[in-house]
C-alpha atoms as a PDB file:
ATOM      1  CA  MET A   1     137.023 -78.607  48.545  1.00  0.00           C
ATOM      2  CA  ALA A   2     139.384 -80.695  50.706  1.00  0.00           C
ATOM      3  CA  LEU A   3     139.704 -79.726  54.452  1.00  0.00           C
ATOM      4  CA  PRO A   4     143.358 -80.508  55.858  1.00  0.00           C
ATOM      5  CA  LEU A   5     143.098 -82.802  58.616  1.00  0.00           C
ATOM      6  CA  THR A   6     146.679 -83.457  60.161  1.00  0.00           C
ATOM      7  CA  ILE A   7     146.941 -86.896  61.774  1.00  0.00           C
ATOM      8  CA  LYS A   8     149.960 -87.405  64.284  1.00  0.00           C
ATOM      9  CA  THR A   9     149.759 -90.642  65.729  1.00  0.00           C
ATOM     10  CA  ASP A  10     150.088 -94.099  65.090  1.00  0.00           C
ATOM     11  CA  ILE A  11     148.361 -97.199  67.091  1.00  0.00           C
ATOM     12  CA  LYS A  12     150.461 -96.173  70.722  1.00  0.00           C
ATOM     13  CA  GLY A  13     149.459 -92.884  70.452  1.00  0.00           C
ATOM     14  CA  ASN A  14     152.888 -91.574  69.371  1.00  0.00           C
ATOM     15  CA  ALA A  15     153.823 -88.788  67.156  1.00  0.00           C
ATOM     16  CA  ARG A  16     155.270 -90.840  63.604  1.00  0.00           C
ATOM     17  CA  PHE A  17     153.447 -89.683  60.362  1.00  0.00           C
ATOM     18  CA  ASN A  18     151.225 -86.834  58.752  1.00  0.00           C
ATOM     19  CA  ASP A  19     147.942 -87.321  56.551  1.00  0.00           C
ATOM     20  CA  THR A  20     145.158 -85.482  55.088  1.00  0.00           C
ATOM     21  CA  VAL A  21     141.448 -86.456  55.616  1.00  0.00           C
ATOM     22  CA  ASP A  22     138.889 -85.439  52.894  1.00  0.00           C
ATOM     23  CA  MET A  23     136.418 -84.074  54.330  1.00  0.00           C
ATOM     24  CA  GLY A  24     134.394 -82.987  50.918  1.00  0.00           C
ATOM     25  CA  ALA A  25     131.674 -85.626  51.373  1.00  0.00           C
ATOM     26  CA  PHE A  26     130.369 -85.242  54.632  1.00  0.00           C
ATOM     27  CA  GLU A  27     127.779 -82.574  55.317  1.00  0.00           C
ATOM     28  CA  PHE A  28     127.860 -80.080  58.332  1.00  0.00           C
ATOM     29  CA  GLY A  29     124.592 -78.828  60.167  1.00  0.00           C
ATOM     30  CA  ARG A  30     122.991 -77.627  63.014  1.00  0.00           C
ATOM     31  CA  LEU A  31     122.717 -79.916  66.261  1.00  0.00           C
ATOM     32  CA  ASN A  32     119.283 -80.897  67.372  1.00  0.00           C
ATOM     33  CA  LEU A  33     120.289 -80.471  71.132  1.00  0.00           C
ATOM     34  CA  SER A  34     116.254 -81.293  71.724  1.00  0.00           C
ATOM     35  CA  LEU A  35     116.775 -84.912  69.976  1.00  0.00           C
ATOM     36  CA  ASP A  36     115.306 -87.470  72.360  1.00  0.00           C
ATOM     37  CA  THR A  37     115.552 -90.715  70.354  1.00  0.00           C
ATOM     38  CA  ASP A  38     113.793 -92.968  73.328  1.00  0.00           C
ATOM     39  CA  GLY A  39     111.456 -90.574  74.374  1.00  0.00           C
ATOM     40  CA  ASP A  40     112.717 -91.061  78.299  1.00  0.00           C
ATOM     41  CA  GLY A  41     112.912 -87.295  78.807  1.00  0.00           C
ATOM     42  CA  MET A  42     117.045 -87.189  78.829  1.00  0.00           C
ATOM     43  CA  PRO A  43     117.970 -85.382  75.400  1.00  0.00           C
ATOM     44  CA  ASP A  44     120.868 -88.261  73.211  1.00  0.00           C
ATOM     45  CA  TRP A  45     123.660 -85.528  73.606  1.00  0.00           C
ATOM     46  CA  TRP A  46     123.421 -85.800  77.407  1.00  0.00           C
ATOM     47  CA  GLU A  47     122.681 -89.525  77.153  1.00  0.00           C
ATOM     48  CA  PHE A  48     125.992 -89.984  74.828  1.00  0.00           C
ATOM     49  CA  ARG A  49     127.653 -87.836  77.676  1.00  0.00           C
ATOM     50  CA  PHE A  50     127.753 -89.896  80.094  1.00  0.00           C
ATOM     51  CA  GLY A  51     127.745 -92.938  78.245  1.00  0.00           C
ATOM     52  CA  LEU A  52     123.860 -93.799  78.431  1.00  0.00           C
ATOM     53  CA  ALA A  53     121.786 -95.853  75.438  1.00  0.00           C
ATOM     54  CA  PRO A  54     119.877 -92.899  73.841  1.00  0.00           C
ATOM     55  CA  ASP A  55     117.580 -95.912  72.589  1.00  0.00           C
ATOM     56  CA  ASP A  56     116.558 -97.411  75.673  1.00  0.00           C
ATOM     57  CA  ALA A  57     114.166 -95.886  77.411  1.00  0.00           C
ATOM     58  CA  ASN A  58     114.739 -97.647  81.011  1.00  0.00           C
ATOM     59  CA  ASP A  59     117.848 -96.134  81.816  1.00  0.00           C
ATOM     60  CA  ALA A  60     115.799 -92.966  82.578  1.00  0.00           C
ATOM     61  CA  GLN A  61     115.256 -95.111  86.056  1.00  0.00           C
ATOM     62  CA  LEU A  62     118.419 -96.553  86.777  1.00  0.00           C
ATOM     63  CA  ASP A  63     121.553 -94.686  88.970  1.00  0.00           C
ATOM     64  CA  LEU A  64     124.535 -94.382  87.140  1.00  0.00           C
ATOM     65  CA  ASP A  65     126.633 -93.085  89.985  1.00  0.00           C
ATOM     66  CA  GLY A  66     124.590 -95.182  93.257  1.00  0.00           C
ATOM     67  CA  ASP A  67     123.955 -91.791  94.660  1.00  0.00           C
ATOM     68  CA  GLY A  68     120.520 -92.073  94.715  1.00  0.00           C
ATOM     69  CA  LEU A  69     119.168 -89.834  91.868  1.00  0.00           C
ATOM     70  CA  SER A  70     117.873 -91.362  88.832  1.00  0.00           C
ATOM     71  CA  ASN A  71     119.587 -90.967  85.525  1.00  0.00           C
ATOM     72  CA  LEU A  72     116.464 -88.949  84.530  1.00  0.00           C
ATOM     73  CA  ASN A  73     116.857 -86.770  87.986  1.00  0.00           C
ATOM     74  CA  GLU A  74     120.352 -86.413  87.427  1.00  0.00           C
ATOM     75  CA  TYR A  75     119.698 -84.686  83.776  1.00  0.00           C
ATOM     76  CA  LYS A  76     116.402 -82.248  85.631  1.00  0.00           C
ATOM     77  CA  TYR A  77     118.738 -81.229  88.702  1.00  0.00           C
ATOM     78  CA  ASN A  78     121.420 -80.559  86.111  1.00  0.00           C
ATOM     79  CA  CYS A  79     123.844 -83.180  88.183  1.00  0.00           C
ATOM     80  CA  ASP A  80     126.666 -85.189  87.333  1.00  0.00           C
ATOM     81  CA  ALA A  81     125.494 -88.566  86.588  1.00  0.00           C
ATOM     82  CA  ALA A  82     128.856 -90.243  86.478  1.00  0.00           C
ATOM     83  CA  PHE A  83     129.476 -88.446  90.094  1.00  0.00           C
ATOM     84  CA  PHE A  84     128.143 -89.083  93.252  1.00  0.00           C
ATOM     85  CA  ASP A  85     128.831 -85.689  94.390  1.00  0.00           C
ATOM     86  CA  THR A  86     128.417 -83.085  92.161  1.00  0.00           C
ATOM     87  CA  ASP A  87     128.999 -80.028  94.250  1.00  0.00           C
ATOM     88  CA  SER A  88     131.954 -82.281  96.467  1.00  0.00           C
ATOM     89  CA  ASP A  89     130.574 -81.332  99.686  1.00  0.00           C
ATOM     90  CA  LEU A  90     131.027 -85.089 100.919  1.00  0.00           C
ATOM     91  CA  LEU A  91     126.766 -85.107 100.684  1.00  0.00           C
ATOM     92  CA  PRO A  92     125.049 -87.472  98.086  1.00  0.00           C
ATOM     93  CA  ASP A  93     123.165 -85.738  95.385  1.00  0.00           C
ATOM     94  CA  GLY A  94     119.974 -87.819  95.423  1.00  0.00           C
ATOM     95  CA  TRP A  95     120.468 -86.903 100.025  1.00  0.00           C
ATOM     96  CA  GLU A  96     120.827 -83.613  99.020  1.00  0.00           C
ATOM     97  CA  VAL A  97     117.600 -83.347  96.811  1.00  0.00           C
ATOM     98  CA  LEU A  98     115.404 -85.543  99.121  1.00  0.00           C
ATOM     99  CA  TYR A  99     116.136 -83.354 101.880  1.00  0.00           C
ATOM    100  CA  GLN A 100     115.553 -80.234  99.518  1.00  0.00           C
ATOM    101  CA  LEU A 101     119.027 -79.021  99.451  1.00  0.00           C
ATOM    102  CA  ASN A 102     121.538 -77.791  96.375  1.00  0.00           C
ATOM    103  CA  PRO A 103     123.384 -80.748  95.018  1.00  0.00           C
ATOM    104  CA  LEU A 104     125.295 -78.201  92.643  1.00  0.00           C
ATOM    105  CA  ILE A 105     126.836 -76.081  95.434  1.00  0.00           C
ATOM    106  CA  SER A 106     127.892 -76.702  98.950  1.00  0.00           C
ATOM    107  CA  ASP A 107     125.262 -75.286 100.956  1.00  0.00           C
ATOM    108  CA  VAL A 108     125.242 -76.752 104.378  1.00  0.00           C
ATOM    109  CA  ILE A 109     125.516 -73.735 106.833  1.00  0.00           C
ATOM    110  CA  ASP A 110     125.845 -73.705 110.430  1.00  0.00           C
ATOM    111  CA  VAL A 111     125.351 -70.818 113.056  1.00  0.00           C
ATOM    112  CA  ASN A 112     127.599 -67.881 111.895  1.00  0.00           C
ATOM    113  CA  GLY A 113     126.252 -67.871 108.661  1.00  0.00           C
ATOM    114  CA  GLY A 114     129.533 -69.898 106.847  1.00  0.00           C
ATOM    115  CA  TYR A 115     129.171 -73.276 104.983  1.00  0.00           C
ATOM    116  CA  ASN A 116     130.091 -76.415 107.221  1.00  0.00           C
ATOM    117  CA  ILE A 117     129.673 -79.761 106.801  1.00  0.00           C
ATOM    118  CA  TYR A 118     130.352 -80.288 110.506  1.00  0.00           C
ATOM    119  CA  ALA A 119     127.537 -78.116 111.627  1.00  0.00           C
ATOM    120  CA  ASP A 120     124.192 -79.871 113.311  1.00  0.00           C
ATOM    121  CA  SER A 121     121.722 -78.116 111.322  1.00  0.00           C
ATOM    122  CA  ASP A 122     118.693 -79.529 113.980  1.00  0.00           C
ATOM    123  CA  ASP A 123     120.466 -79.584 117.173  1.00  0.00           C
ATOM    124  CA  ASP A 124     119.918 -83.257 117.900  1.00  0.00           C
ATOM    125  CA  GLY A 125     123.394 -83.822 118.340  1.00  0.00           C
ATOM    126  CA  LEU A 126     124.350 -85.508 115.379  1.00  0.00           C
ATOM    127  CA  ASP A 127     126.533 -83.578 112.607  1.00  0.00           C
ATOM    128  CA  THR A 128     125.284 -83.328 108.514  1.00  0.00           C
ATOM    129  CA  LEU A 129     127.652 -86.204 108.083  1.00  0.00           C
ATOM    130  CA  GLN A 130     126.301 -88.471 110.423  1.00  0.00           C
ATOM    131  CA  GLU A 131     123.194 -87.938 109.754  1.00  0.00           C
ATOM    132  CA  VAL A 132     124.103 -89.737 106.230  1.00  0.00           C
ATOM    133  CA  VAL A 133     125.596 -92.067 108.186  1.00  0.00           C
ATOM    134  CA  PHE A 134     122.803 -93.010 110.283  1.00  0.00           C
ATOM    135  CA  GLU A 135     120.187 -91.866 107.703  1.00  0.00           C
ATOM    136  CA  THR A 136     118.525 -89.502 110.055  1.00  0.00           C
ATOM    137  CA  HIS A 137     116.325 -86.352 109.157  1.00  0.00           C
ATOM    138  CA  PRO A 138     118.845 -83.291 109.037  1.00  0.00           C
ATOM    139  CA  PHE A 139     116.213 -80.743 109.858  1.00  0.00           C
ATOM    140  CA  VAL A 140     114.264 -82.962 112.484  1.00  0.00           C
ATOM    141  CA  ALA A 141     115.961 -83.695 115.988  1.00  0.00           C
ATOM    142  CA  ASP A 142     113.447 -86.972 116.380  1.00  0.00           C
ATOM    143  CA  SER A 143     113.014 -89.026 113.033  1.00  0.00           C
ATOM    144  CA  ASP A 144     111.263 -91.267 114.218  1.00  0.00           C
ATOM    145  CA  GLY A 145     109.591 -89.636 116.509  1.00  0.00           C
ATOM    146  CA  ASP A 146     110.014 -91.716 119.491  1.00  0.00           C
ATOM    147  CA  GLY A 147     110.262 -88.929 121.697  1.00  0.00           C
ATOM    148  CA  VAL A 148     114.135 -89.114 121.872  1.00  0.00           C
ATOM    149  CA  SER A 149     116.693 -87.302 120.145  1.00  0.00           C
ATOM    150  CA  ASP A 150     118.667 -88.899 116.909  1.00  0.00           C
ATOM    151  CA  GLY A 151     122.222 -87.921 118.714  1.00  0.00           C
ATOM    152  CA  ASP A 152     120.781 -89.214 121.985  1.00  0.00           C
ATOM    153  CA  GLU A 153     119.168 -92.536 120.487  1.00  0.00           C
ATOM    154  CA  VAL A 154     123.122 -93.057 118.547  1.00  0.00           C
ATOM    155  CA  SER A 155     124.721 -92.513 121.900  1.00  0.00           C
ATOM    156  CA  GLN A 156     122.730 -94.828 124.023  1.00  0.00           C
ATOM    157  CA  GLY A 157     122.566 -97.510 120.827  1.00  0.00           C
ATOM    158  CA  SER A 158     119.228 -97.474 120.097  1.00  0.00           C
ATOM    159  CA  LEU A 159     118.036 -96.990 116.274  1.00  0.00           C
ATOM    160  CA  PRO A 160     117.323 -93.192 115.416  1.00  0.00           C
ATOM    161  CA  MET A 161     114.966 -94.507 112.726  1.00  0.00           C
ATOM    162  CA  ASP A 162     112.968 -97.183 114.513  1.00  0.00           C
ATOM    163  CA  ALA A 163     110.093 -96.164 116.915  1.00  0.00           C
ATOM    164  CA  SER A 164     109.116 -99.594 117.907  1.00  0.00           C
ATOM    165  CA  ASP A 165     112.084 -99.305 120.542  1.00  0.00           C
ATOM    166  CA  LEU A 166     110.701 -96.783 121.600  1.00  0.00           C
ATOM    167  CA  GLY A 167     113.640 -94.523 122.366  1.00  0.00           C
ATOM    168  CA  LEU A 168     114.895 -97.154 125.091  1.00  0.00           C
ATOM    169  CA  PRO A 169     118.632 -98.298 125.190  1.00  0.00           C
ATOM    170  CA  PRO A 170     118.850-101.981 124.093  1.00  0.00           C
ATOM    171  CA  SER A 171     119.802-104.631 126.895  1.00  0.00           C
ATOM    172  CA  ALA A 172     123.377-104.998 127.136  1.00  0.00           C
ATOM    173  CA  ASP A 173     122.507-109.480 126.081  1.00  0.00           C
ATOM    174  CA  GLU A 174     121.503-107.783 122.750  1.00  0.00           C
ATOM    175  CA  VAL A 175     123.632-105.128 121.653  1.00  0.00           C
ATOM    176  CA  CYS A 176     126.793-106.230 119.055  1.00  0.00           C
ATOM    177  CA  GLU A 177     128.984-103.079 118.933  1.00  0.00           C
ATOM    178  CA  LEU A 178     130.945-103.770 115.350  1.00  0.00           C
ATOM    179  CA  ARG A 179     133.870-101.607 114.669  1.00  0.00           C
ATOM    180  CA  LEU A 180     133.929-100.545 110.782  1.00  0.00           C
ATOM    181  CA  THR A 181     137.047 -99.689 108.928  1.00  0.00           C
ATOM    182  CA  VAL A 182     136.355 -98.533 105.127  1.00  0.00           C
ATOM    183  CA  GLY A 183     138.636 -96.662 102.626  1.00  0.00           C
ATOM    184  CA  ASP A 184     141.269 -96.296  99.865  1.00  0.00           C
ATOM    185  CA  TRP A 185     144.385 -99.022 101.157  1.00  0.00           C
ATOM    186  CA  SER A 186     146.057 -98.233  97.769  1.00  0.00           C
ATOM    187  CA  ASN A 187     149.229 -96.046  97.183  1.00  0.00           C
ATOM    188  CA  SER A 188     147.104 -93.958  94.925  1.00  0.00           C
ATOM    189  CA  ASN A 189     145.296 -92.853  97.923  1.00  0.00           C
ATOM    190  CA  SER A 190     142.524 -91.449  95.413  1.00  0.00           C
ATOM    191  CA  GLU A 191     139.318 -93.133  95.967  1.00  0.00           C
ATOM    192  CA  ARG A 192     136.099 -92.987  98.427  1.00  0.00           C
ATOM    193  CA  TYR A 193     133.996 -96.257  99.609  1.00  0.00           C
ATOM    194  CA  ASP A 194     130.854 -96.719 101.615  1.00  0.00           C
ATOM    195  CA  LEU A 195     130.212 -99.436 103.865  1.00  0.00           C
ATOM    196  CA  VAL A 196     126.988-100.618 104.214  1.00  0.00           C
ATOM    197  CA  VAL A 197     125.999-103.001 107.373  1.00  0.00           C
ATOM    198  CA  GLY A 198     122.162-103.020 107.855  1.00  0.00           C
ATOM    199  CA  PRO A 199     120.967 -99.646 108.805  1.00  0.00           C
ATOM    200  CA  ILE A 200     124.419 -97.895 108.739  1.00  0.00           C
ATOM    201  CA  THR A 201     126.031 -96.216 105.639  1.00  0.00           C
ATOM    202  CA  HIS A 202     129.974 -95.822 106.973  1.00  0.00           C
ATOM    203  CA  GLN A 203     132.035 -94.088 104.912  1.00  0.00           C
ATOM    204  CA  ALA A 204     135.330 -92.851 104.318  1.00  0.00           C
ATOM    205  CA  THR A 205     134.493 -88.928 104.649  1.00  0.00           C
ATOM    206  CA  ARG A 206     137.407 -87.967 102.135  1.00  0.00           C
ATOM    207  CA  PHE A 207     138.943 -89.409  99.039  1.00  0.00           C
ATOM    208  CA  GLY A 208     142.483 -91.730  99.500  1.00  0.00           C
ATOM    209  CA  VAL A 209     141.760 -92.114 103.497  1.00  0.00           C
ATOM    210  CA  VAL A 210     140.557 -95.726 105.419  1.00  0.00           C
ATOM    211  CA  GLU A 211     138.350 -94.816 108.741  1.00  0.00           C
ATOM    212  CA  THR A 212     137.027 -96.202 111.771  1.00  0.00           C
ATOM    213  CA  LYS A 213     134.243 -96.418 113.592  1.00  0.00           C
ATOM    214  CA  ASP A 214     132.246 -98.482 116.224  1.00  0.00           C
ATOM    215  CA  TYR A 215     128.177 -98.427 116.163  1.00  0.00           C
ATOM    216  CA  LYS A 216     126.468-100.524 119.193  1.00  0.00           C
ATOM    217  CA  GLN A 217     123.075-100.577 116.330  1.00  0.00           C
ATOM    218  CA  PHE A 218     123.488-103.435 116.232  1.00  0.00           C
ATOM    219  CA  ARG A 219     121.591-106.554 117.407  1.00  0.00           C
ATOM    220  CA  ALA A 220     122.568-110.420 118.345  1.00  0.00           C
ATOM    221  CA  GLY A 221     121.012-112.972 116.391  1.00  0.00           C
ATOM    222  CA  LYS A 222     120.493-110.575 113.432  1.00  0.00           C
ATOM    223  CA  ARG A 223     121.025-111.125 109.842  1.00  0.00           C
ATOM    224  CA  TYR A 224     122.570-108.208 107.884  1.00  0.00           C
ATOM    225  CA  GLU A 225     123.458-106.977 104.525  1.00  0.00           C
ATOM    226  CA  VAL A 226     126.640-105.606 103.617  1.00  0.00           C
ATOM    227  CA  GLN A 227     127.728-103.539 100.421  1.00  0.00           C
ATOM    228  CA  ILE A 228     131.069-102.066  99.893  1.00  0.00           C
ATOM    229  CA  ILE A 229     130.410 -98.825  97.444  1.00  0.00           C
ATOM    230  CA  HIS A 230     132.679 -97.283  95.506  1.00  0.00           C
ATOM    231  CA  ARG A 231     131.904 -93.599  95.147  1.00  0.00           C
ATOM    232  CA  GLY A 232     134.131 -92.220  93.139  1.00  0.00           C
ATOM    233  CA  THR A 233     137.916 -90.991  92.048  1.00  0.00           C
ATOM    234  CA  ASP A 234     139.166 -88.028  93.717  1.00  0.00           C
ATOM    235  CA  PRO A 235     138.586 -85.377  90.094  1.00  0.00           C
ATOM    236  CA  SER A 236     142.340 -84.096  90.899  1.00  0.00           C
ATOM    237  CA  LYS A 237     143.918 -87.650  90.393  1.00  0.00           C
ATOM    238  CA  TRP A 238     141.957 -88.888  87.376  1.00  0.00           C
ATOM    239  CA  TRP A 239     145.158 -89.545  85.887  1.00  0.00           C
ATOM    240  CA  PHE A 240     145.569 -92.606  87.986  1.00  0.00           C
ATOM    241  CA  PRO A 241     145.158 -95.643  85.915  1.00  0.00           C
ATOM    242  CA  ALA A 242     141.622 -97.385  86.940  1.00  0.00           C
ATOM    243  CA  ASN A 243     141.455-100.394  88.856  1.00  0.00           C
ATOM    244  CA  VAL A 244     138.229-100.201  90.549  1.00  0.00           C
ATOM    245  CA  LYS A 245     135.989-103.619  89.951  1.00  0.00           C
ATOM    246  CA  GLU A 246     131.854-103.364  90.451  1.00  0.00           C
ATOM    247  CA  ILE A 247     131.066-105.391  93.490  1.00  0.00           C
ATOM    248  CA  LEU A 248     127.720-106.988  92.196  1.00  0.00           C
ATOM    249  CA  ASP A 249     126.796-108.674  94.739  1.00  0.00           C
ATOM    250  CA  THR A 250     125.506-108.672  98.282  1.00  0.00           C
ATOM    251  CA  ALA A 251     127.133-110.442 101.342  1.00  0.00           C
ATOM    252  CA  VAL A 252     125.059-111.106 104.768  1.00  0.00           C
ATOM    253  CA  VAL A 253     126.259-111.391 108.073  1.00  0.00           C
ATOM    254  CA  PHE A 254     124.875-113.058 111.117  1.00  0.00           C
ATOM    255  CA  LEU A 255     125.703-111.538 114.339  1.00  0.00           C
END
């Protein structure tokens, strides 16, 4: 028996003609949701969903969206493997998992019991987003254990994740203050980027904006790797034509 399948399209996607396809030769059966052809811990259907290779086990340890969470862990935590921030709370999925937050819900709580991305959970002078920028522990006031709080170190220009500086401010001749700017300069106002320079992850905290901030954590005479990371497109603006080129190289700056 032929099942009528109406086709109303041409090559350009315009409605042009109707046709009928004979489906009698197809066999219908149950989809095996547990099938894992390459044995990498991710079922085939899930890999197809995110454009991974169900016959290549090596992609389990890759990080498709660059959020710090491997593809395998994206599956285990039920995250979106193609978007760095599944719950859209501005915190990368990998960062949330690392610090035992829930990447599926906006769970940064302020003193009043409500969600607040600018809350300071450990009372160290840095809000949650700043903890991401400086790669510090959101629930430990002195991440490197040198006796000086993370917020104080940031203010004085020392490194909150480097105990070798003993929490002391750097001398005036070694400090190199940089002004970092990153964001979406296009008219779409839809993209979000991070600018990583050495120990600092400067970010546009919202989609479609350009943000600038000064940092005193750089030292004269040192080299720093520089990366620009495209974090994603505002889900409400996915209808814009994609025009983002992947950046594979890492630049180095000498101060």
